[in-house]
Amino acid sequence: MIEKIAWVTDTTALLDEEFILKNHIHVIPMVVIFEEVPYREFIDLTSEEFYEKLKTARKSPSTS
């Protein structure tokens, strides 16, 4: 029997793209919730957008 092993992490690991590709790592985006609206890190929300929302949010964001 052949066993398969996969490396899975989320975007908070901040691994560089070359390392991810070389090591066949599966990266799942962290979900950040601003005022009841979920955003997937690096897909729906860039780092710059995150910090801008952080400045103007009435409530601190949460994560999934």
Protein backbone atom coordinates (compact mmCIF):
# COMPACT_ATOMS: atom_id res chain seq x y z
CA MET A 1 0.00 0.00 0.00
CA ILE A 2 1.32 3.44 -0.95
CA GLU A 3 0.64 6.18 1.56
CA LYS A 4 0.39 9.79 0.49
CA ILE A 5 1.35 12.62 2.78
CA ALA A 6 0.45 16.24 2.11
CA TRP A 7 1.72 19.42 3.68
CA VAL A 8 -1.12 21.84 4.35
CA THR A 9 -0.85 25.26 5.94
CA ASP A 10 -2.66 28.58 5.85
CA THR A 11 -1.56 31.97 4.59
CA THR A 12 -0.39 33.09 8.03
CA ALA A 13 2.72 30.92 7.53
CA LEU A 14 3.89 33.52 4.97
CA LEU A 15 5.86 30.96 2.95
CA ASP A 16 7.38 32.25 -0.26
CA GLU A 17 5.95 31.05 -3.56
CA GLU A 18 9.15 29.25 -4.63
CA PHE A 19 9.20 27.16 -1.41
CA ILE A 20 5.50 26.34 -1.76
CA LEU A 21 5.91 25.13 -5.34
CA LYS A 22 9.16 23.25 -4.73
CA ASN A 23 7.68 21.34 -1.77
CA HIS A 24 4.14 20.85 -3.15
CA ILE A 25 2.54 22.59 -0.17
CA HIS A 26 -1.20 23.27 -0.14
CA VAL A 27 -1.94 26.76 1.20
CA ILE A 28 -5.43 27.61 2.42
CA PRO A 29 -6.33 31.29 2.85
CA MET A 30 -7.06 32.54 6.35
CA VAL A 31 -10.53 34.07 6.63
CA VAL A 32 -10.64 37.50 8.27
CA ILE A 33 -14.04 38.86 9.25
CA PHE A 34 -14.57 42.62 9.27
CA GLU A 35 -17.98 43.70 10.54
CA GLU A 36 -19.67 40.41 9.62
CA VAL A 37 -18.09 40.26 6.12
CA PRO A 38 -15.59 37.41 5.53
CA TYR A 39 -12.49 38.05 3.39
CA ARG A 40 -9.99 35.41 2.25
CA GLU A 41 -6.45 36.59 2.88
CA PHE A 42 -4.56 37.39 -0.36
CA ILE A 43 -7.65 36.54 -2.47
CA ASP A 44 -10.37 38.96 -1.38
CA LEU A 45 -8.14 41.21 0.70
CA THR A 46 -4.57 42.40 0.14
CA SER A 47 -2.28 43.34 3.01
CA GLU A 48 -2.74 47.01 2.18
CA GLU A 49 -6.54 46.67 2.16
CA PHE A 50 -6.42 44.82 5.48
CA TYR A 51 -4.52 47.64 7.20
CA GLU A 52 -6.78 50.27 5.67
CA LYS A 53 -9.88 48.44 6.94
CA LEU A 54 -8.20 48.05 10.33
CA LYS A 55 -7.85 51.83 10.59
CA THR A 56 -11.52 52.49 9.88
CA ALA A 57 -13.26 49.48 11.42
CA ARG A 58 -15.60 50.16 14.34
CA LYS A 59 -14.83 46.70 15.72
CA SER A 60 -11.66 44.59 15.67
CA PRO A 61 -11.64 41.89 13.02
CA SER A 62 -11.93 38.22 13.89
CA THR A 63 -10.82 35.06 12.13
CA SER A 64 -12.52 31.84 11.28
